[in-house]
Each structure stands twice: as structure tokens, then as C-alpha cells.
Amino acid sequence: MSEGQFNDHIVMVTGATTGISRVIALAFVQQGARIIIGEVDVRDEDRVVTITAAGGYACFVETDVSQAT
């Protein structure tokens, strides 16, 4: 990816508070994206700090992809 490739883009990453999804979210941040973290466990909301500490913007949305709406 070229630097800033995702400037002015919003990316939703599910499960972005841990594991490979967290690494993916941070990679998008490094490319200028704003991140929406979709996570089923609201106790993980404070992990948005990981993204903001990396210089990015992130918000948390309680999300359960196993349930259809």
C-alpha cells in the first residue's frame, strides 16, 4: 500500500481489539483510514485507545456478526 492510500476513508474492522484484526486495523490507520471497531464484547471498548495511540481515529460499535438484523 502506498502511504496515505486510505486518507478520507472509513474502514470497519470486526474483532479489531485483538489478534490479526487488530494488526489489520493498525495497518489501515497507518495508511490514513479512520477505523470503526465492531466487537461483540463491549468490555473491549477501551481498546480503541490502541488505535488512537497510534495516531489514528477510532470509534467502537457493539456488533455481533453472527446475528442477522
PDB file of N, CA and C in Angstrom:
ATOM      1  N   MET A   1       0.837  -1.183   0.000  1.00  0.00           N
ATOM      2  CA  MET A   1       0.000   0.000   0.000  1.00  0.00           C
ATOM      3  C   MET A   1       0.879   1.241   0.000  1.00  0.00           C
ATOM      4  N   SER A   2       0.486   2.220  -0.781  1.00  0.00           N
ATOM      5  CA  SER A   2       1.222   3.468  -0.728  1.00  0.00           C
ATOM      6  C   SER A   2       0.732   4.312   0.436  1.00  0.00           C
ATOM      7  N   GLU A   3       1.650   5.126   0.960  1.00  0.00           N
ATOM      8  CA  GLU A   3       1.338   5.921   2.140  1.00  0.00           C
ATOM      9  C   GLU A   3       0.154   6.839   1.881  1.00  0.00           C
ATOM     10  N   GLY A   4      -0.776   6.869   2.826  1.00  0.00           N
ATOM     11  CA  GLY A   4      -1.945   7.717   2.712  1.00  0.00           C
ATOM     12  C   GLY A   4      -2.991   7.218   1.737  1.00  0.00           C
ATOM     13  N   GLN A   5      -2.875   5.984   1.312  1.00  0.00           N
ATOM     14  CA  GLN A   5      -3.791   5.408   0.324  1.00  0.00           C
ATOM     15  C   GLN A   5      -5.235   5.442   0.799  1.00  0.00           C
ATOM     16  N   PHE A   6      -5.458   5.425   2.109  1.00  0.00           N
ATOM     17  CA  PHE A   6      -6.812   5.380   2.641  1.00  0.00           C
ATOM     18  C   PHE A   6      -7.224   6.686   3.329  1.00  0.00           C
ATOM     19  N   ASN A   7      -6.524   7.788   3.034  1.00  0.00           N
ATOM     20  CA  ASN A   7      -6.932   9.082   3.572  1.00  0.00           C
ATOM     21  C   ASN A   7      -8.390   9.338   3.206  1.00  0.00           C
ATOM     22  N   ASP A   8      -9.137   9.878   4.157  1.00  0.00           N
ATOM     23  CA  ASP A   8     -10.553  10.203   3.962  1.00  0.00           C
ATOM     24  C   ASP A   8     -11.438   8.980   3.747  1.00  0.00           C
ATOM     25  N   HIS A   9     -10.964   7.795   4.123  1.00  0.00           N
ATOM     26  CA  HIS A   9     -11.768   6.582   4.050  1.00  0.00           C
ATOM     27  C   HIS A   9     -12.104   6.113   5.462  1.00  0.00           C
ATOM     28  N   ILE A  10     -13.254   5.490   5.590  1.00  0.00           N
ATOM     29  CA  ILE A  10     -13.657   4.879   6.851  1.00  0.00           C
ATOM     30  C   ILE A  10     -13.687   3.375   6.641  1.00  0.00           C
ATOM     31  N   VAL A  11     -13.031   2.651   7.529  1.00  0.00           N
ATOM     32  CA  VAL A  11     -12.934   1.203   7.423  1.00  0.00           C
ATOM     33  C   VAL A  11     -13.500   0.576   8.689  1.00  0.00           C
ATOM     34  N   MET A  12     -14.400  -0.384   8.532  1.00  0.00           N
ATOM     35  CA  MET A  12     -14.900  -1.127   9.688  1.00  0.00           C
ATOM     36  C   MET A  12     -14.164  -2.457   9.755  1.00  0.00           C
ATOM     37  N   VAL A  13     -13.602  -2.722  10.921  1.00  0.00           N
ATOM     38  CA  VAL A  13     -12.895  -3.971  11.151  1.00  0.00           C
ATOM     39  C   VAL A  13     -13.557  -4.666  12.334  1.00  0.00           C
ATOM     40  N   THR A  14     -14.075  -5.858  12.109  1.00  0.00           N
ATOM     41  CA  THR A  14     -14.697  -6.602  13.205  1.00  0.00           C
ATOM     42  C   THR A  14     -13.615  -7.340  13.980  1.00  0.00           C
ATOM     43  N   GLY A  15     -13.793  -7.388  15.276  1.00  0.00           N
ATOM     44  CA  GLY A  15     -12.826  -8.080  16.127  1.00  0.00           C
ATOM     45  C   GLY A  15     -11.490  -7.377  16.198  1.00  0.00           C
ATOM     46  N   ALA A  16     -11.462  -6.067  15.982  1.00  0.00           N
ATOM     47  CA  ALA A  16     -10.205  -5.330  15.862  1.00  0.00           C
ATOM     48  C   ALA A  16      -9.517  -5.029  17.176  1.00  0.00           C
ATOM     49  N   THR A  17     -10.017  -5.568  18.259  1.00  0.00           N
ATOM     50  CA  THR A  17      -9.372  -5.299  19.542  1.00  0.00           C
ATOM     51  C   THR A  17      -8.262  -6.291  19.862  1.00  0.00           C
ATOM     52  N   THR A  18      -8.188  -7.403  19.129  1.00  0.00           N
ATOM     53  CA  THR A  18      -7.146  -8.406  19.391  1.00  0.00           C
ATOM     54  C   THR A  18      -6.719  -9.080  18.094  1.00  0.00           C
ATOM     55  N   GLY A  19      -5.617  -9.782  18.183  1.00  0.00           N
ATOM     56  CA  GLY A  19      -5.168 -10.663  17.108  1.00  0.00           C
ATOM     57  C   GLY A  19      -4.903  -9.998  15.768  1.00  0.00           C
ATOM     58  N   ILE A  20      -5.103 -10.762  14.717  1.00  0.00           N
ATOM     59  CA  ILE A  20      -4.803 -10.304  13.364  1.00  0.00           C
ATOM     60  C   ILE A  20      -5.686  -9.128  12.972  1.00  0.00           C
ATOM     61  N   SER A  21      -6.918  -9.092  13.464  1.00  0.00           N
ATOM     62  CA  SER A  21      -7.798  -7.968  13.141  1.00  0.00           C
ATOM     63  C   SER A  21      -7.257  -6.664  13.703  1.00  0.00           C
ATOM     64  N   ARG A  22      -6.644  -6.720  14.871  1.00  0.00           N
ATOM     65  CA  ARG A  22      -6.016  -5.531  15.461  1.00  0.00           C
ATOM     66  C   ARG A  22      -4.861  -5.060  14.587  1.00  0.00           C
ATOM     67  N   VAL A  23      -4.061  -5.976  14.102  1.00  0.00           N
ATOM     68  CA  VAL A  23      -2.932  -5.638  13.227  1.00  0.00           C
ATOM     69  C   VAL A  23      -3.442  -5.014  11.929  1.00  0.00           C
ATOM     70  N   ILE A  24      -4.515  -5.568  11.388  1.00  0.00           N
ATOM     71  CA  ILE A  24      -5.113  -5.027  10.165  1.00  0.00           C
ATOM     72  C   ILE A  24      -5.618  -3.613  10.415  1.00  0.00           C
ATOM     73  N   ALA A  25      -6.305  -3.397  11.527  1.00  0.00           N
ATOM     74  CA  ALA A  25      -6.813  -2.066  11.855  1.00  0.00           C
ATOM     75  C   ALA A  25      -5.667  -1.060  11.955  1.00  0.00           C
ATOM     76  N   LEU A  26      -4.593  -1.446  12.615  1.00  0.00           N
ATOM     77  CA  LEU A  26      -3.438  -0.553  12.745  1.00  0.00           C
ATOM     78  C   LEU A  26      -2.794  -0.265  11.392  1.00  0.00           C
ATOM     79  N   ALA A  27      -2.775  -1.251  10.503  1.00  0.00           N
ATOM     80  CA  ALA A  27      -2.224  -1.032   9.157  1.00  0.00           C
ATOM     81  C   ALA A  27      -3.068  -0.021   8.395  1.00  0.00           C
ATOM     82  N   PHE A  28      -4.387  -0.111   8.515  1.00  0.00           N
ATOM     83  CA  PHE A  28      -5.262   0.867   7.876  1.00  0.00           C
ATOM     84  C   PHE A  28      -5.028   2.263   8.448  1.00  0.00           C
ATOM     85  N   VAL A  29      -4.841   2.359   9.766  1.00  0.00           N
ATOM     86  CA  VAL A  29      -4.568   3.647  10.405  1.00  0.00           C
ATOM     87  C   VAL A  29      -3.296   4.259   9.839  1.00  0.00           C
ATOM     88  N   GLN A  30      -2.271   3.440   9.659  1.00  0.00           N
ATOM     89  CA  GLN A  30      -1.008   3.933   9.117  1.00  0.00           C
ATOM     90  C   GLN A  30      -1.161   4.458   7.696  1.00  0.00           C
ATOM     91  N   GLN A  31      -2.202   4.022   7.019  1.00  0.00           N
ATOM     92  CA  GLN A  31      -2.475   4.482   5.658  1.00  0.00           C
ATOM     93  C   GLN A  31      -3.504   5.612   5.624  1.00  0.00           C
ATOM     94  N   GLY A  32      -3.874   6.125   6.819  1.00  0.00           N
ATOM     95  CA  GLY A  32      -4.735   7.291   6.891  1.00  0.00           C
ATOM     96  C   GLY A  32      -6.210   7.028   7.111  1.00  0.00           C
ATOM     97  N   ALA A  33      -6.621   5.777   7.228  1.00  0.00           N
ATOM     98  CA  ALA A  33      -8.045   5.457   7.396  1.00  0.00           C
ATOM     99  C   ALA A  33      -8.526   5.778   8.808  1.00  0.00           C
ATOM    100  N   ARG A  34      -9.795   6.069   8.916  1.00  0.00           N
ATOM    101  CA  ARG A  34     -10.476   6.152  10.202  1.00  0.00           C
ATOM    102  C   ARG A  34     -11.118   4.792  10.431  1.00  0.00           C
ATOM    103  N   ILE A  35     -11.066   4.309  11.650  1.00  0.00           N
ATOM    104  CA  ILE A  35     -11.479   2.937  11.943  1.00  0.00           C
ATOM    105  C   ILE A  35     -12.753   2.898  12.775  1.00  0.00           C
ATOM    106  N   ILE A  36     -13.664   2.037  12.376  1.00  0.00           N
ATOM    107  CA  ILE A  36     -14.805   1.668  13.202  1.00  0.00           C
ATOM    108  C   ILE A  36     -14.525   0.249  13.674  1.00  0.00           C
ATOM    109  N   ILE A  37     -14.444   0.080  14.977  1.00  0.00           N
ATOM    110  CA  ILE A  37     -14.200  -1.238  15.541  1.00  0.00           C
ATOM    111  C   ILE A  37     -15.545  -1.864  15.871  1.00  0.00           C
ATOM    112  N   GLY A  38     -15.854  -2.972  15.233  1.00  0.00           N
ATOM    113  CA  GLY A  38     -17.069  -3.727  15.518  1.00  0.00           C
ATOM    114  C   GLY A  38     -16.709  -4.919  16.377  1.00  0.00           C
ATOM    115  N   GLU A  39     -17.269  -4.963  17.567  1.00  0.00           N
ATOM    116  CA  GLU A  39     -16.913  -6.016  18.519  1.00  0.00           C
ATOM    117  C   GLU A  39     -18.146  -6.388  19.321  1.00  0.00           C
ATOM    118  N   VAL A  40     -18.310  -7.667  19.595  1.00  0.00           N
ATOM    119  CA  VAL A  40     -19.469  -8.142  20.351  1.00  0.00           C
ATOM    120  C   VAL A  40     -19.340  -7.851  21.841  1.00  0.00           C
ATOM    121  N   ASP A  41     -18.144  -7.834  22.350  1.00  0.00           N
ATOM    122  CA  ASP A  41     -17.919  -7.658  23.784  1.00  0.00           C
ATOM    123  C   ASP A  41     -17.663  -6.186  24.103  1.00  0.00           C
ATOM    124  N   VAL A  42     -18.636  -5.520  24.693  1.00  0.00           N
ATOM    125  CA  VAL A  42     -18.499  -4.094  24.983  1.00  0.00           C
ATOM    126  C   VAL A  42     -17.387  -3.810  25.998  1.00  0.00           C
ATOM    127  N   ARG A  43     -16.934  -4.818  26.708  1.00  0.00           N
ATOM    128  CA  ARG A  43     -15.809  -4.607  27.622  1.00  0.00           C
ATOM    129  C   ARG A  43     -14.531  -4.286  26.863  1.00  0.00           C
ATOM    130  N   ASP A  44     -14.499  -4.568  25.561  1.00  0.00           N
ATOM    131  CA  ASP A  44     -13.313  -4.284  24.752  1.00  0.00           C
ATOM    132  C   ASP A  44     -13.297  -2.861  24.216  1.00  0.00           C
ATOM    133  N   GLU A  45     -14.316  -2.082  24.547  1.00  0.00           N
ATOM    134  CA  GLU A  45     -14.416  -0.721  24.021  1.00  0.00           C
ATOM    135  C   GLU A  45     -13.177   0.121  24.344  1.00  0.00           C
ATOM    136  N   ASP A  46     -12.601  -0.103  25.508  1.00  0.00           N
ATOM    137  CA  ASP A  46     -11.438   0.692  25.904  1.00  0.00           C
ATOM    138  C   ASP A  46     -10.206   0.402  25.050  1.00  0.00           C
ATOM    139  N   ARG A  47     -10.248  -0.651  24.275  1.00  0.00           N
ATOM    140  CA  ARG A  47      -9.101  -0.978  23.421  1.00  0.00           C
ATOM    141  C   ARG A  47      -9.017  -0.071  22.196  1.00  0.00           C
ATOM    142  N   VAL A  48      -9.988   0.799  22.023  1.00  0.00           N
ATOM    143  CA  VAL A  48      -9.920   1.813  20.976  1.00  0.00           C
ATOM    144  C   VAL A  48      -8.672   2.661  21.186  1.00  0.00           C
ATOM    145  N   VAL A  49      -8.211   2.743  22.436  1.00  0.00           N
ATOM    146  CA  VAL A  49      -7.021   3.515  22.766  1.00  0.00           C
ATOM    147  C   VAL A  49      -5.823   3.041  21.957  1.00  0.00           C
ATOM    148  N   THR A  50      -5.737   1.761  21.656  1.00  0.00           N
ATOM    149  CA  THR A  50      -4.632   1.225  20.851  1.00  0.00           C
ATOM    150  C   THR A  50      -4.561   1.937  19.507  1.00  0.00           C
ATOM    151  N   ILE A  51      -5.706   2.176  18.906  1.00  0.00           N
ATOM    152  CA  ILE A  51      -5.758   2.831  17.602  1.00  0.00           C
ATOM    153  C   ILE A  51      -5.419   4.312  17.732  1.00  0.00           C
ATOM    154  N   THR A  52      -6.016   4.963  18.711  1.00  0.00           N
ATOM    155  CA  THR A  52      -5.772   6.395  18.864  1.00  0.00           C
ATOM    156  C   THR A  52      -4.333   6.672  19.299  1.00  0.00           C
ATOM    157  N   ALA A  53      -3.748   5.767  20.061  1.00  0.00           N
ATOM    158  CA  ALA A  53      -2.352   5.924  20.468  1.00  0.00           C
ATOM    159  C   ALA A  53      -1.418   5.835  19.268  1.00  0.00           C
ATOM    160  N   ALA A  54      -1.853   5.149  18.234  1.00  0.00           N
ATOM    161  CA  ALA A  54      -1.056   5.032  17.007  1.00  0.00           C
ATOM    162  C   ALA A  54      -1.246   6.253  16.106  1.00  0.00           C
ATOM    163  N   GLY A  55      -2.012   7.235  16.600  1.00  0.00           N
ATOM    164  CA  GLY A  55      -2.205   8.452  15.828  1.00  0.00           C
ATOM    165  C   GLY A  55      -3.437   8.446  14.957  1.00  0.00           C
ATOM    166  N   GLY A  56      -4.271   7.449  15.114  1.00  0.00           N
ATOM    167  CA  GLY A  56      -5.447   7.337  14.265  1.00  0.00           C
ATOM    168  C   GLY A  56      -6.723   7.730  14.983  1.00  0.00           C
ATOM    169  N   TYR A  57      -7.814   7.634  14.257  1.00  0.00           N
ATOM    170  CA  TYR A  57      -9.139   7.888  14.813  1.00  0.00           C
ATOM    171  C   TYR A  57      -9.882   6.565  14.821  1.00  0.00           C
ATOM    172  N   ALA A  58     -10.533   6.262  15.923  1.00  0.00           N
ATOM    173  CA  ALA A  58     -11.315   5.034  16.001  1.00  0.00           C
ATOM    174  C   ALA A  58     -12.538   5.262  16.864  1.00  0.00           C
ATOM    175  N   CYS A  59     -13.599   4.562  16.537  1.00  0.00           N
ATOM    176  CA  CYS A  59     -14.775   4.538  17.392  1.00  0.00           C
ATOM    177  C   CYS A  59     -15.217   3.088  17.524  1.00  0.00           C
ATOM    178  N   PHE A  60     -15.989   2.829  18.544  1.00  0.00           N
ATOM    179  CA  PHE A  60     -16.416   1.471  18.869  1.00  0.00           C
ATOM    180  C   PHE A  60     -17.908   1.341  18.618  1.00  0.00           C
ATOM    181  N   VAL A  61     -18.302   0.264  17.970  1.00  0.00           N
ATOM    182  CA  VAL A  61     -19.712  -0.033  17.743  1.00  0.00           C
ATOM    183  C   VAL A  61     -19.950  -1.479  18.157  1.00  0.00           C
ATOM    184  N   GLU A  62     -20.871  -1.677  19.103  1.00  0.00           N
ATOM    185  CA  GLU A  62     -21.191  -3.042  19.508  1.00  0.00           C
ATOM    186  C   GLU A  62     -21.781  -3.769  18.303  1.00  0.00           C
ATOM    187  N   THR A  63     -21.143  -4.874  17.926  1.00  0.00           N
ATOM    188  CA  THR A  63     -21.501  -5.591  16.704  1.00  0.00           C
ATOM    189  C   THR A  63     -21.436  -7.089  16.937  1.00  0.00           C
ATOM    190  N   ASP A  64     -22.469  -7.793  16.492  1.00  0.00           N
ATOM    191  CA  ASP A  64     -22.456  -9.253  16.549  1.00  0.00           C
ATOM    192  C   ASP A  64     -22.753  -9.758  15.129  1.00  0.00           C
ATOM    193  N   VAL A  65     -21.698 -10.131  14.412  1.00  0.00           N
ATOM    194  CA  VAL A  65     -21.864 -10.548  13.021  1.00  0.00           C
ATOM    195  C   VAL A  65     -22.497 -11.936  12.898  1.00  0.00           C
ATOM    196  N   SER A  66     -22.686 -12.613  14.022  1.00  0.00           N
ATOM    197  CA  SER A  66     -23.319 -13.927  13.958  1.00  0.00           C
ATOM    198  C   SER A  66     -24.838 -13.829  13.933  1.00  0.00           C
ATOM    199  N   GLN A  67     -25.371 -12.620  14.156  1.00  0.00           N
ATOM    200  CA  GLN A  67     -26.818 -12.426  14.188  1.00  0.00           C
ATOM    201  C   GLN A  67     -27.267 -11.528  13.038  1.00  0.00           C
ATOM    202  N   ALA A  68     -28.212 -11.999  12.261  1.00  0.00           N
ATOM    203  CA  ALA A  68     -28.792 -11.178  11.200  1.00  0.00           C
ATOM    204  C   ALA A  68     -29.737 -10.166  11.823  1.00  0.00           C
ATOM    205  N   THR A  69     -29.811  -9.000  11.219  1.00  0.00           N
ATOM    206  CA  THR A  69     -30.730  -7.973  11.762  1.00  0.00           C
ATOM    207  C   THR A  69     -32.017  -7.938  10.997  1.00  0.00           C
TER     208      THR A  69
END
